[in-house]
PDB file of N, CA and C in Angstrom:
ATOM      1  N   MET A   1       9.635 -12.961   6.880  1.00  0.00           N
ATOM      2  CA  MET A   1       8.608 -12.049   7.340  1.00  0.00           C
ATOM      3  C   MET A   1       7.254 -12.717   7.153  1.00  0.00           C
ATOM      4  N   ASP A   2       6.435 -12.739   8.180  1.00  0.00           N
ATOM      5  CA  ASP A   2       5.089 -13.262   8.088  1.00  0.00           C
ATOM      6  C   ASP A   2       4.183 -12.153   7.578  1.00  0.00           C
ATOM      7  N   HIS A   3       3.632 -12.325   6.395  1.00  0.00           N
ATOM      8  CA  HIS A   3       2.829 -11.300   5.730  1.00  0.00           C
ATOM      9  C   HIS A   3       1.610 -10.885   6.549  1.00  0.00           C
ATOM     10  N   ASN A   4       1.096 -11.753   7.366  1.00  0.00           N
ATOM     11  CA  ASN A   4      -0.152 -11.470   8.055  1.00  0.00           C
ATOM     12  C   ASN A   4       0.009 -10.892   9.444  1.00  0.00           C
ATOM     13  N   THR A   5       1.104 -11.153  10.121  1.00  0.00           N
ATOM     14  CA  THR A   5       1.191 -10.750  11.519  1.00  0.00           C
ATOM     15  C   THR A   5       2.310  -9.773  11.845  1.00  0.00           C
ATOM     16  N   ASP A   6       3.353  -9.729  11.058  1.00  0.00           N
ATOM     17  CA  ASP A   6       4.497  -8.900  11.417  1.00  0.00           C
ATOM     18  C   ASP A   6       4.289  -7.417  11.156  1.00  0.00           C
ATOM     19  N   LEU A   7       3.403  -7.073  10.228  1.00  0.00           N
ATOM     20  CA  LEU A   7       3.217  -5.678   9.854  1.00  0.00           C
ATOM     21  C   LEU A   7       1.775  -5.247  10.094  1.00  0.00           C
ATOM     22  N   ASN A   8       1.597  -3.954  10.326  1.00  0.00           N
ATOM     23  CA  ASN A   8       0.270  -3.390  10.521  1.00  0.00           C
ATOM     24  C   ASN A   8      -0.227  -2.863   9.172  1.00  0.00           C
ATOM     25  N   TRP A   9      -0.877  -3.715   8.397  1.00  0.00           N
ATOM     26  CA  TRP A   9      -1.335  -3.375   7.057  1.00  0.00           C
ATOM     27  C   TRP A   9      -2.571  -2.497   7.125  1.00  0.00           C
ATOM     28  N   ARG A  10      -2.652  -1.515   6.225  1.00  0.00           N
ATOM     29  CA  ARG A  10      -3.846  -0.673   6.135  1.00  0.00           C
ATOM     30  C   ARG A  10      -4.209  -0.461   4.673  1.00  0.00           C
ATOM     31  N   LYS A  11      -5.515  -0.387   4.437  1.00  0.00           N
ATOM     32  CA  LYS A  11      -6.050  -0.195   3.093  1.00  0.00           C
ATOM     33  C   LYS A  11      -6.547   1.239   2.980  1.00  0.00           C
ATOM     34  N   SER A  12      -6.556   1.760   1.797  1.00  0.00           N
ATOM     35  CA  SER A  12      -7.012   3.122   1.535  1.00  0.00           C
ATOM     36  C   SER A  12      -8.420   3.337   2.086  1.00  0.00           C
ATOM     37  N   SER A  13      -8.656   4.529   2.595  1.00  0.00           N
ATOM     38  CA  SER A  13     -10.001   4.883   3.064  1.00  0.00           C
ATOM     39  C   SER A  13     -10.972   4.966   1.896  1.00  0.00           C
ATOM     40  N   TYR A  14     -10.477   5.037   0.671  1.00  0.00           N
ATOM     41  CA  TYR A  14     -11.318   5.049  -0.516  1.00  0.00           C
ATOM     42  C   TYR A  14     -11.809   3.651  -0.882  1.00  0.00           C
ATOM     43  N   SER A  15     -11.316   2.631  -0.204  1.00  0.00           N
ATOM     44  CA  SER A  15     -11.728   1.260  -0.473  1.00  0.00           C
ATOM     45  C   SER A  15     -12.964   0.945   0.353  1.00  0.00           C
ATOM     46  N   GLY A  16     -14.108   1.073  -0.263  1.00  0.00           N
ATOM     47  CA  GLY A  16     -15.358   0.783   0.425  1.00  0.00           C
ATOM     48  C   GLY A  16     -15.781  -0.643   0.186  1.00  0.00           C
ATOM     49  N   GLY A  17     -17.073  -0.887   0.241  1.00  0.00           N
ATOM     50  CA  GLY A  17     -17.601  -2.221   0.047  1.00  0.00           C
ATOM     51  C   GLY A  17     -17.984  -2.516  -1.389  1.00  0.00           C
ATOM     52  N   SER A  18     -17.590  -1.677  -2.325  1.00  0.00           N
ATOM     53  CA  SER A  18     -17.990  -1.883  -3.716  1.00  0.00           C
ATOM     54  C   SER A  18     -17.094  -2.903  -4.405  1.00  0.00           C
ATOM     55  N   ALA A  19     -17.505  -3.279  -5.603  1.00  0.00           N
ATOM     56  CA  ALA A  19     -16.719  -4.251  -6.387  1.00  0.00           C
ATOM     57  C   ALA A  19     -15.326  -3.718  -6.695  1.00  0.00           C
ATOM     58  N   THR A  20     -15.206  -2.404  -6.864  1.00  0.00           N
ATOM     59  CA  THR A  20     -13.889  -1.843  -7.193  1.00  0.00           C
ATOM     60  C   THR A  20     -12.944  -1.884  -6.002  1.00  0.00           C
ATOM     61  N   SER A  21     -13.474  -2.100  -4.802  1.00  0.00           N
ATOM     62  CA  SER A  21     -12.598  -2.147  -3.630  1.00  0.00           C
ATOM     63  C   SER A  21     -11.717  -3.385  -3.638  1.00  0.00           C
ATOM     64  N   GLU A  22     -12.029  -4.337  -4.526  1.00  0.00           N
ATOM     65  CA  GLU A  22     -11.193  -5.528  -4.632  1.00  0.00           C
ATOM     66  C   GLU A  22      -9.855  -5.223  -5.296  1.00  0.00           C
ATOM     67  N   ASN A  23      -9.731  -4.091  -5.949  1.00  0.00           N
ATOM     68  CA  ASN A  23      -8.509  -3.719  -6.659  1.00  0.00           C
ATOM     69  C   ASN A  23      -7.720  -2.703  -5.850  1.00  0.00           C
ATOM     70  N   CYS A  24      -7.342  -3.076  -4.663  1.00  0.00           N
ATOM     71  CA  CYS A  24      -6.646  -2.154  -3.772  1.00  0.00           C
ATOM     72  C   CYS A  24      -5.297  -2.712  -3.347  1.00  0.00           C
ATOM     73  N   VAL A  25      -4.472  -1.810  -2.930  1.00  0.00           N
ATOM     74  CA  VAL A  25      -3.226  -2.204  -2.303  1.00  0.00           C
ATOM     75  C   VAL A  25      -3.326  -1.904  -0.817  1.00  0.00           C
ATOM     76  N   GLU A  26      -2.519  -2.580  -0.046  1.00  0.00           N
ATOM     77  CA  GLU A  26      -2.392  -2.312   1.377  1.00  0.00           C
ATOM     78  C   GLU A  26      -0.968  -1.852   1.628  1.00  0.00           C
ATOM     79  N   VAL A  27      -0.820  -0.956   2.568  1.00  0.00           N
ATOM     80  CA  VAL A  27       0.484  -0.366   2.877  1.00  0.00           C
ATOM     81  C   VAL A  27       0.785  -0.569   4.352  1.00  0.00           C
ATOM     82  N   ALA A  28       2.046  -0.807   4.655  1.00  0.00           N
ATOM     83  CA  ALA A  28       2.483  -0.948   6.043  1.00  0.00           C
ATOM     84  C   ALA A  28       3.851  -0.300   6.207  1.00  0.00           C
ATOM     85  N   ALA A  29       4.055   0.328   7.341  1.00  0.00           N
ATOM     86  CA  ALA A  29       5.380   0.849   7.665  1.00  0.00           C
ATOM     87  C   ALA A  29       6.266  -0.330   8.048  1.00  0.00           C
ATOM     88  N   THR A  30       7.486  -0.338   7.544  1.00  0.00           N
ATOM     89  CA  THR A  30       8.432  -1.391   7.917  1.00  0.00           C
ATOM     90  C   THR A  30       9.501  -0.755   8.785  1.00  0.00           C
ATOM     91  N   HIS A  31      10.730  -1.149   8.601  1.00  0.00           N
ATOM     92  CA  HIS A  31      11.788  -0.537   9.404  1.00  0.00           C
ATOM     93  C   HIS A  31      11.828   0.957   9.101  1.00  0.00           C
ATOM     94  N   PRO A  32      12.402   1.754   9.953  1.00  0.00           N
ATOM     95  CA  PRO A  32      12.329   3.218   9.802  1.00  0.00           C
ATOM     96  C   PRO A  32      12.658   3.708   8.396  1.00  0.00           C
ATOM     97  N   GLY A  33      11.741   4.531   7.895  1.00  0.00           N
ATOM     98  CA  GLY A  33      11.980   5.163   6.616  1.00  0.00           C
ATOM     99  C   GLY A  33      11.579   4.364   5.395  1.00  0.00           C
ATOM    100  N   HIS A  34      10.858   3.250   5.574  1.00  0.00           N
ATOM    101  CA  HIS A  34      10.444   2.427   4.442  1.00  0.00           C
ATOM    102  C   HIS A  34       8.985   2.014   4.584  1.00  0.00           C
ATOM    103  N   VAL A  35       8.356   1.682   3.448  1.00  0.00           N
ATOM    104  CA  VAL A  35       6.999   1.157   3.445  1.00  0.00           C
ATOM    105  C   VAL A  35       6.964  -0.125   2.626  1.00  0.00           C
ATOM    106  N   ALA A  36       6.012  -0.988   2.960  1.00  0.00           N
ATOM    107  CA  ALA A  36       5.774  -2.214   2.210  1.00  0.00           C
ATOM    108  C   ALA A  36       4.391  -2.098   1.589  1.00  0.00           C
ATOM    109  N   ILE A  37       4.237  -2.642   0.390  1.00  0.00           N
ATOM    110  CA  ILE A  37       2.979  -2.574  -0.337  1.00  0.00           C
ATOM    111  C   ILE A  37       2.659  -3.975  -0.839  1.00  0.00           C
ATOM    112  N   ARG A  38       1.370  -4.360  -0.700  1.00  0.00           N
ATOM    113  CA  ARG A  38       0.938  -5.661  -1.204  1.00  0.00           C
ATOM    114  C   ARG A  38      -0.453  -5.539  -1.824  1.00  0.00           C
ATOM    115  N   ASP A  39      -0.815  -6.515  -2.608  1.00  0.00           N
ATOM    116  CA  ASP A  39      -2.129  -6.599  -3.231  1.00  0.00           C
ATOM    117  C   ASP A  39      -3.113  -7.107  -2.180  1.00  0.00           C
ATOM    118  N   SER A  40      -4.196  -6.369  -1.951  1.00  0.00           N
ATOM    119  CA  SER A  40      -5.154  -6.769  -0.921  1.00  0.00           C
ATOM    120  C   SER A  40      -5.851  -8.091  -1.258  1.00  0.00           C
ATOM    121  N   LYS A  41      -5.928  -8.451  -2.535  1.00  0.00           N
ATOM    122  CA  LYS A  41      -6.541  -9.718  -2.928  1.00  0.00           C
ATOM    123  C   LYS A  41      -5.618 -10.901  -2.682  1.00  0.00           C
ATOM    124  N   ASN A  42      -4.341 -10.646  -2.513  1.00  0.00           N
ATOM    125  CA  ASN A  42      -3.358 -11.713  -2.350  1.00  0.00           C
ATOM    126  C   ASN A  42      -2.423 -11.366  -1.196  1.00  0.00           C
ATOM    127  N   PRO A  43      -2.928 -11.358   0.038  1.00  0.00           N
ATOM    128  CA  PRO A  43      -2.113 -10.921   1.169  1.00  0.00           C
ATOM    129  C   PRO A  43      -0.885 -11.780   1.446  1.00  0.00           C
ATOM    130  N   ASN A  44      -0.864 -12.989   0.936  1.00  0.00           N
ATOM    131  CA  ASN A  44       0.308 -13.845   1.128  1.00  0.00           C
ATOM    132  C   ASN A  44       1.237 -13.825  -0.071  1.00  0.00           C
ATOM    133  N   GLY A  45       0.944 -12.955  -1.037  1.00  0.00           N
ATOM    134  CA  GLY A  45       1.759 -12.845  -2.236  1.00  0.00           C
ATOM    135  C   GLY A  45       2.962 -11.948  -2.020  1.00  0.00           C
ATOM    136  N   PRO A  46       3.559 -11.512  -3.105  1.00  0.00           N
ATOM    137  CA  PRO A  46       4.778 -10.698  -3.019  1.00  0.00           C
ATOM    138  C   PRO A  46       4.522  -9.334  -2.365  1.00  0.00           C
ATOM    139  N   ILE A  47       5.566  -8.817  -1.776  1.00  0.00           N
ATOM    140  CA  ILE A  47       5.543  -7.498  -1.143  1.00  0.00           C
ATOM    141  C   ILE A  47       6.585  -6.629  -1.841  1.00  0.00           C
ATOM    142  N   LEU A  48       6.190  -5.411  -2.163  1.00  0.00           N
ATOM    143  CA  LEU A  48       7.126  -4.423  -2.701  1.00  0.00           C
ATOM    144  C   LEU A  48       7.542  -3.508  -1.557  1.00  0.00           C
ATOM    145  N   LYS A  49       8.806  -3.132  -1.528  1.00  0.00           N
ATOM    146  CA  LYS A  49       9.302  -2.231  -0.479  1.00  0.00           C
ATOM    147  C   LYS A  49       9.928  -1.008  -1.125  1.00  0.00           C
ATOM    148  N   PHE A  50       9.616   0.163  -0.553  1.00  0.00           N
ATOM    149  CA  PHE A  50      10.117   1.431  -1.066  1.00  0.00           C
ATOM    150  C   PHE A  50      10.550   2.331   0.079  1.00  0.00           C
ATOM    151  N   PRO A  51      11.495   3.232  -0.181  1.00  0.00           N
ATOM    152  CA  PRO A  51      11.766   4.272   0.816  1.00  0.00           C
ATOM    153  C   PRO A  51      10.498   5.105   1.009  1.00  0.00           C
ATOM    154  N   ALA A  52      10.224   5.490   2.235  1.00  0.00           N
ATOM    155  CA  ALA A  52       9.014   6.266   2.533  1.00  0.00           C
ATOM    156  C   ALA A  52       8.961   7.572   1.754  1.00  0.00           C
ATOM    157  N   THR A  53      10.100   8.168   1.479  1.00  0.00           N
ATOM    158  CA  THR A  53      10.114   9.423   0.717  1.00  0.00           C
ATOM    159  C   THR A  53       9.637   9.196  -0.711  1.00  0.00           C
ATOM    160  N   ASP A  54      10.013   8.073  -1.325  1.00  0.00           N
ATOM    161  CA  ASP A  54       9.551   7.757  -2.676  1.00  0.00           C
ATOM    162  C   ASP A  54       8.049   7.498  -2.691  1.00  0.00           C
ATOM    163  N   TRP A  55       7.557   6.774  -1.696  1.00  0.00           N
ATOM    164  CA  TRP A  55       6.125   6.502  -1.601  1.00  0.00           C
ATOM    165  C   TRP A  55       5.349   7.813  -1.425  1.00  0.00           C
ATOM    166  N   ALA A  56       5.840   8.698  -0.584  1.00  0.00           N
ATOM    167  CA  ALA A  56       5.180   9.991  -0.364  1.00  0.00           C
ATOM    168  C   ALA A  56       5.157  10.806  -1.661  1.00  0.00           C
ATOM    169  N   SER A  57       6.229  10.783  -2.414  1.00  0.00           N
ATOM    170  CA  SER A  57       6.267  11.497  -3.697  1.00  0.00           C
ATOM    171  C   SER A  57       5.245  10.918  -4.667  1.00  0.00           C
ATOM    172  N   PHE A  58       5.122   9.613  -4.697  1.00  0.00           N
ATOM    173  CA  PHE A  58       4.150   8.958  -5.558  1.00  0.00           C
ATOM    174  C   PHE A  58       2.725   9.356  -5.164  1.00  0.00           C
ATOM    175  N   ILE A  59       2.408   9.295  -3.887  1.00  0.00           N
ATOM    176  CA  ILE A  59       1.065   9.660  -3.403  1.00  0.00           C
ATOM    177  C   ILE A  59       0.777  11.132  -3.697  1.00  0.00           C
ATOM    178  N   ASN A  60       1.735  11.994  -3.481  1.00  0.00           N
ATOM    179  CA  ASN A  60       1.541  13.413  -3.793  1.00  0.00           C
ATOM    180  C   ASN A  60       1.315  13.631  -5.285  1.00  0.00           C
ATOM    181  N   GLY A  61       2.000  12.859  -6.125  1.00  0.00           N
ATOM    182  CA  GLY A  61       1.794  12.942  -7.570  1.00  0.00           C
ATOM    183  C   GLY A  61       0.388  12.504  -7.961  1.00  0.00           C
ATOM    184  N   ILE A  62      -0.121  11.473  -7.317  1.00  0.00           N
ATOM    185  CA  ILE A  62      -1.501  11.043  -7.579  1.00  0.00           C
ATOM    186  C   ILE A  62      -2.472  12.154  -7.204  1.00  0.00           C
ATOM    187  N   ARG A  63      -2.294  12.696  -6.021  1.00  0.00           N
ATOM    188  CA  ARG A  63      -3.191  13.769  -5.560  1.00  0.00           C
ATOM    189  C   ARG A  63      -3.147  14.991  -6.484  1.00  0.00           C
ATOM    190  N   ALA A  64      -2.010  15.242  -7.099  1.00  0.00           N
ATOM    191  CA  ALA A  64      -1.854  16.381  -7.989  1.00  0.00           C
ATOM    192  C   ALA A  64      -2.308  16.075  -9.415  1.00  0.00           C
ATOM    193  N   GLY A  65      -2.747  14.836  -9.675  1.00  0.00           N
ATOM    194  CA  GLY A  65      -3.207  14.457 -11.002  1.00  0.00           C
ATOM    195  C   GLY A  65      -2.099  14.147 -11.981  1.00  0.00           C
ATOM    196  N   LYS A  66      -0.912  13.924 -11.468  1.00  0.00           N
ATOM    197  CA  LYS A  66       0.248  13.697 -12.328  1.00  0.00           C
ATOM    198  C   LYS A  66       0.120  12.421 -13.163  1.00  0.00           C
ATOM    199  N   TYR A  67      -0.586  11.428 -12.658  1.00  0.00           N
ATOM    200  CA  TYR A  67      -0.667  10.131 -13.346  1.00  0.00           C
ATOM    201  C   TYR A  67      -2.024   9.887 -13.984  1.00  0.00           C
ATOM    202  N   ALA A  68      -2.829  10.912 -14.103  1.00  0.00           N
ATOM    203  CA  ALA A  68      -4.181  10.751 -14.678  1.00  0.00           C
ATOM    204  C   ALA A  68      -4.134  10.652 -16.182  1.00  0.00           C
TER     205      ALA A  68
END
């Protein structure tokens, strides 16, 4: 898999131009029902893959303050 061209990577809308925006992940949809996640500072580095349902549960937990 070519990290730069095969997937449509997107960064959080909360990642602005500030110094903290360097600590972001990028997410891309892969084959049906899965997502890929990578470090935005290292786009050619390792990729983590998860079922989309697990990723959605994680994001919902963040929004609910579960991991604060």
